[in-house]
Amino acid sequence: MSARPHTTGYRGDRLWLAAMVHRVSGVLLAAFLPLHFLVLGLAIRGEAELDGFLQWTKSPLVKFAEIGLVLLLAIHLLGGIRVLVIENMPWRDGQKRMATLAAVAAVGIAGVFLVALL
């Protein structure tokens, strides 16, 4: 029984990186959901608890985290569109360029959100 050599050279490719970033953004968004539901639960408990939480969200650290959340959402959205295109359209030579443009667009969207917060 011969062992197959384990190659990981493909991991430096932009398309592999785009797929990995899409997966990681999905995991991080899934980790955020319970916190979101917890905050929605505060609204059910009463106005005072929700108002206290909303005051806390005005801190700079939370604002920074919101920018990260928007970045994750943009990355995951654009990554999902990329997967839909790959699965449903013919392969194009510019796939790597499109993945790079999607990453730049996601950062741009987060930048616009940052400017809107300031």
C-alpha atoms as a PDB file:
ATOM      1  CA  MET A   1       0.000   0.000   0.000  1.00  0.00           C
ATOM      2  CA  SER A   2       1.640   3.193  -1.118  1.00  0.00           C
ATOM      3  CA  ALA A   3       0.928   6.480   0.551  1.00  0.00           C
ATOM      4  CA  ARG A   4      -0.177   9.333  -1.637  1.00  0.00           C
ATOM      5  CA  PRO A   5       1.858  12.488  -1.108  1.00  0.00           C
ATOM      6  CA  HIS A   6      -0.162  15.196   0.614  1.00  0.00           C
ATOM      7  CA  THR A   7       0.073  18.359  -1.451  1.00  0.00           C
ATOM      8  CA  THR A   8      -1.120  21.731  -0.269  1.00  0.00           C
ATOM      9  CA  GLY A   9       0.314  23.909  -3.018  1.00  0.00           C
ATOM     10  CA  TYR A  10      -3.163  24.885  -4.170  1.00  0.00           C
ATOM     11  CA  ARG A  11      -3.700  26.748  -0.902  1.00  0.00           C
ATOM     12  CA  GLY A  12      -1.806  29.768  -2.171  1.00  0.00           C
ATOM     13  CA  ASP A  13      -4.228  30.239  -5.055  1.00  0.00           C
ATOM     14  CA  ARG A  14      -6.569  33.245  -4.927  1.00  0.00           C
ATOM     15  CA  LEU A  15      -9.620  31.133  -5.706  1.00  0.00           C
ATOM     16  CA  TRP A  16      -8.858  28.760  -2.827  1.00  0.00           C
ATOM     17  CA  LEU A  17      -8.378  31.788  -0.566  1.00  0.00           C
ATOM     18  CA  ALA A  18     -11.703  33.275  -1.760  1.00  0.00           C
ATOM     19  CA  ALA A  19     -13.476  29.998  -0.951  1.00  0.00           C
ATOM     20  CA  MET A  20     -11.851  29.813   2.494  1.00  0.00           C
ATOM     21  CA  VAL A  21     -12.725  33.438   3.328  1.00  0.00           C
ATOM     22  CA  HIS A  22     -16.319  32.736   2.290  1.00  0.00           C
ATOM     23  CA  ARG A  23     -16.488  29.731   4.622  1.00  0.00           C
ATOM     24  CA  VAL A  24     -14.867  31.561   7.557  1.00  0.00           C
ATOM     25  CA  SER A  25     -17.190  34.553   7.128  1.00  0.00           C
ATOM     26  CA  GLY A  26     -20.145  32.155   7.245  1.00  0.00           C
ATOM     27  CA  VAL A  27     -18.904  30.582  10.475  1.00  0.00           C
ATOM     28  CA  LEU A  28     -18.340  34.000  12.068  1.00  0.00           C
ATOM     29  CA  LEU A  29     -21.795  35.193  11.010  1.00  0.00           C
ATOM     30  CA  ALA A  30     -23.306  32.033  12.469  1.00  0.00           C
ATOM     31  CA  ALA A  31     -21.459  32.742  15.739  1.00  0.00           C
ATOM     32  CA  PHE A  32     -22.959  36.245  15.757  1.00  0.00           C
ATOM     33  CA  LEU A  33     -26.565  35.052  15.404  1.00  0.00           C
ATOM     34  CA  PRO A  34     -27.060  33.901  19.035  1.00  0.00           C
ATOM     35  CA  LEU A  35     -25.918  37.341  20.223  1.00  0.00           C
ATOM     36  CA  HIS A  36     -28.383  38.961  17.864  1.00  0.00           C
ATOM     37  CA  PHE A  37     -31.211  36.791  19.184  1.00  0.00           C
ATOM     38  CA  LEU A  38     -30.171  37.625  22.754  1.00  0.00           C
ATOM     39  CA  VAL A  39     -30.560  41.333  21.997  1.00  0.00           C
ATOM     40  CA  LEU A  40     -33.942  40.722  20.398  1.00  0.00           C
ATOM     41  CA  GLY A  41     -34.900  38.940  23.617  1.00  0.00           C
ATOM     42  CA  LEU A  42     -34.045  42.106  25.565  1.00  0.00           C
ATOM     43  CA  ALA A  43     -36.755  43.922  23.624  1.00  0.00           C
ATOM     44  CA  ILE A  44     -39.276  41.358  24.843  1.00  0.00           C
ATOM     45  CA  ARG A  45     -38.153  41.712  28.475  1.00  0.00           C
ATOM     46  CA  GLY A  46     -38.769  45.416  28.588  1.00  0.00           C
ATOM     47  CA  GLU A  47     -37.855  48.845  27.390  1.00  0.00           C
ATOM     48  CA  ALA A  48     -35.362  49.588  30.184  1.00  0.00           C
ATOM     49  CA  GLU A  49     -33.153  46.571  29.450  1.00  0.00           C
ATOM     50  CA  LEU A  50     -33.144  47.268  25.732  1.00  0.00           C
ATOM     51  CA  ASP A  51     -32.357  50.957  26.302  1.00  0.00           C
ATOM     52  CA  GLY A  52     -29.430  49.992  28.542  1.00  0.00           C
ATOM     53  CA  PHE A  53     -28.046  47.738  25.841  1.00  0.00           C
ATOM     54  CA  LEU A  54     -28.533  50.394  23.171  1.00  0.00           C
ATOM     55  CA  GLN A  55     -26.543  52.862  25.284  1.00  0.00           C
ATOM     56  CA  TRP A  56     -23.702  50.331  25.433  1.00  0.00           C
ATOM     57  CA  THR A  57     -23.737  50.009  21.633  1.00  0.00           C
ATOM     58  CA  LYS A  58     -22.671  53.640  21.293  1.00  0.00           C
ATOM     59  CA  SER A  59     -19.144  52.767  22.465  1.00  0.00           C
ATOM     60  CA  PRO A  60     -16.328  52.956  19.882  1.00  0.00           C
ATOM     61  CA  LEU A  61     -15.506  49.261  20.287  1.00  0.00           C
ATOM     62  CA  VAL A  62     -19.048  48.272  19.337  1.00  0.00           C
ATOM     63  CA  LYS A  63     -18.998  50.658  16.370  1.00  0.00           C
ATOM     64  CA  PHE A  64     -15.768  49.021  15.214  1.00  0.00           C
ATOM     65  CA  ALA A  65     -17.372  45.593  15.612  1.00  0.00           C
ATOM     66  CA  GLU A  66     -20.346  46.758  13.513  1.00  0.00           C
ATOM     67  CA  ILE A  67     -17.952  47.652  10.712  1.00  0.00           C
ATOM     68  CA  GLY A  68     -16.505  44.153  10.983  1.00  0.00           C
ATOM     69  CA  LEU A  69     -20.003  42.690  10.824  1.00  0.00           C
ATOM     70  CA  VAL A  70     -20.819  44.658   7.677  1.00  0.00           C
ATOM     71  CA  LEU A  71     -17.512  43.506   6.168  1.00  0.00           C
ATOM     72  CA  LEU A  72     -18.373  39.879   6.988  1.00  0.00           C
ATOM     73  CA  LEU A  73     -21.833  40.269   5.466  1.00  0.00           C
ATOM     74  CA  ALA A  74     -20.416  41.824   2.289  1.00  0.00           C
ATOM     75  CA  ILE A  75     -17.734  39.147   1.992  1.00  0.00           C
ATOM     76  CA  HIS A  76     -20.238  36.356   2.515  1.00  0.00           C
ATOM     77  CA  LEU A  77     -22.753  37.850   0.077  1.00  0.00           C
ATOM     78  CA  LEU A  78     -20.166  38.336  -2.656  1.00  0.00           C
ATOM     79  CA  GLY A  79     -18.662  34.908  -1.983  1.00  0.00           C
ATOM     80  CA  GLY A  80     -22.101  33.348  -2.302  1.00  0.00           C
ATOM     81  CA  ILE A  81     -22.693  35.131  -5.593  1.00  0.00           C
ATOM     82  CA  ARG A  82     -19.283  33.858  -6.746  1.00  0.00           C
ATOM     83  CA  VAL A  83     -20.301  30.272  -5.913  1.00  0.00           C
ATOM     84  CA  LEU A  84     -23.604  30.682  -7.773  1.00  0.00           C
ATOM     85  CA  VAL A  85     -21.775  31.978 -10.833  1.00  0.00           C
ATOM     86  CA  ILE A  86     -19.218  29.144 -10.726  1.00  0.00           C
ATOM     87  CA  GLU A  87     -21.909  26.491 -10.390  1.00  0.00           C
ATOM     88  CA  ASN A  88     -24.353  27.870 -12.955  1.00  0.00           C
ATOM     89  CA  MET A  89     -22.302  29.603 -15.634  1.00  0.00           C
ATOM     90  CA  PRO A  90     -19.462  28.535 -17.902  1.00  0.00           C
ATOM     91  CA  TRP A  91     -15.920  28.914 -16.544  1.00  0.00           C
ATOM     92  CA  ARG A  92     -14.207  32.142 -17.508  1.00  0.00           C
ATOM     93  CA  ASP A  93     -10.532  33.011 -17.622  1.00  0.00           C
ATOM     94  CA  GLY A  94     -11.027  35.999 -15.312  1.00  0.00           C
ATOM     95  CA  GLN A  95     -12.216  34.026 -12.246  1.00  0.00           C
ATOM     96  CA  LYS A  96      -9.222  35.067 -10.144  1.00  0.00           C
ATOM     97  CA  ARG A  97      -9.655  38.701 -11.111  1.00  0.00           C
ATOM     98  CA  MET A  98     -13.359  38.519 -10.214  1.00  0.00           C
ATOM     99  CA  ALA A  99     -12.532  37.013  -6.805  1.00  0.00           C
ATOM    100  CA  THR A 100     -10.083  39.850  -6.175  1.00  0.00           C
ATOM    101  CA  LEU A 101     -12.658  42.435  -7.260  1.00  0.00           C
ATOM    102  CA  ALA A 102     -15.221  40.870  -4.910  1.00  0.00           C
ATOM    103  CA  ALA A 103     -12.785  41.241  -2.008  1.00  0.00           C
ATOM    104  CA  VAL A 104     -12.117  44.871  -2.935  1.00  0.00           C
ATOM    105  CA  ALA A 105     -15.865  45.514  -3.209  1.00  0.00           C
ATOM    106  CA  ALA A 106     -16.458  44.003   0.247  1.00  0.00           C
ATOM    107  CA  VAL A 107     -13.812  46.258   1.781  1.00  0.00           C
ATOM    108  CA  GLY A 108     -15.321  49.227  -0.088  1.00  0.00           C
ATOM    109  CA  ILE A 109     -18.778  48.459   1.298  1.00  0.00           C
ATOM    110  CA  ALA A 110     -17.361  48.289   4.822  1.00  0.00           C
ATOM    111  CA  GLY A 111     -15.529  51.575   4.173  1.00  0.00           C
ATOM    112  CA  VAL A 112     -18.750  53.295   3.136  1.00  0.00           C
ATOM    113  CA  PHE A 113     -20.374  51.999   6.326  1.00  0.00           C
ATOM    114  CA  LEU A 114     -17.429  53.342   8.355  1.00  0.00           C
ATOM    115  CA  VAL A 115     -17.790  56.786   6.810  1.00  0.00           C
ATOM    116  CA  ALA A 116     -21.532  56.722   7.494  1.00  0.00           C
ATOM    117  CA  LEU A 117     -20.840  55.961  11.171  1.00  0.00           C
ATOM    118  CA  LEU A 118     -18.407  58.838  11.592  1.00  0.00           C
END
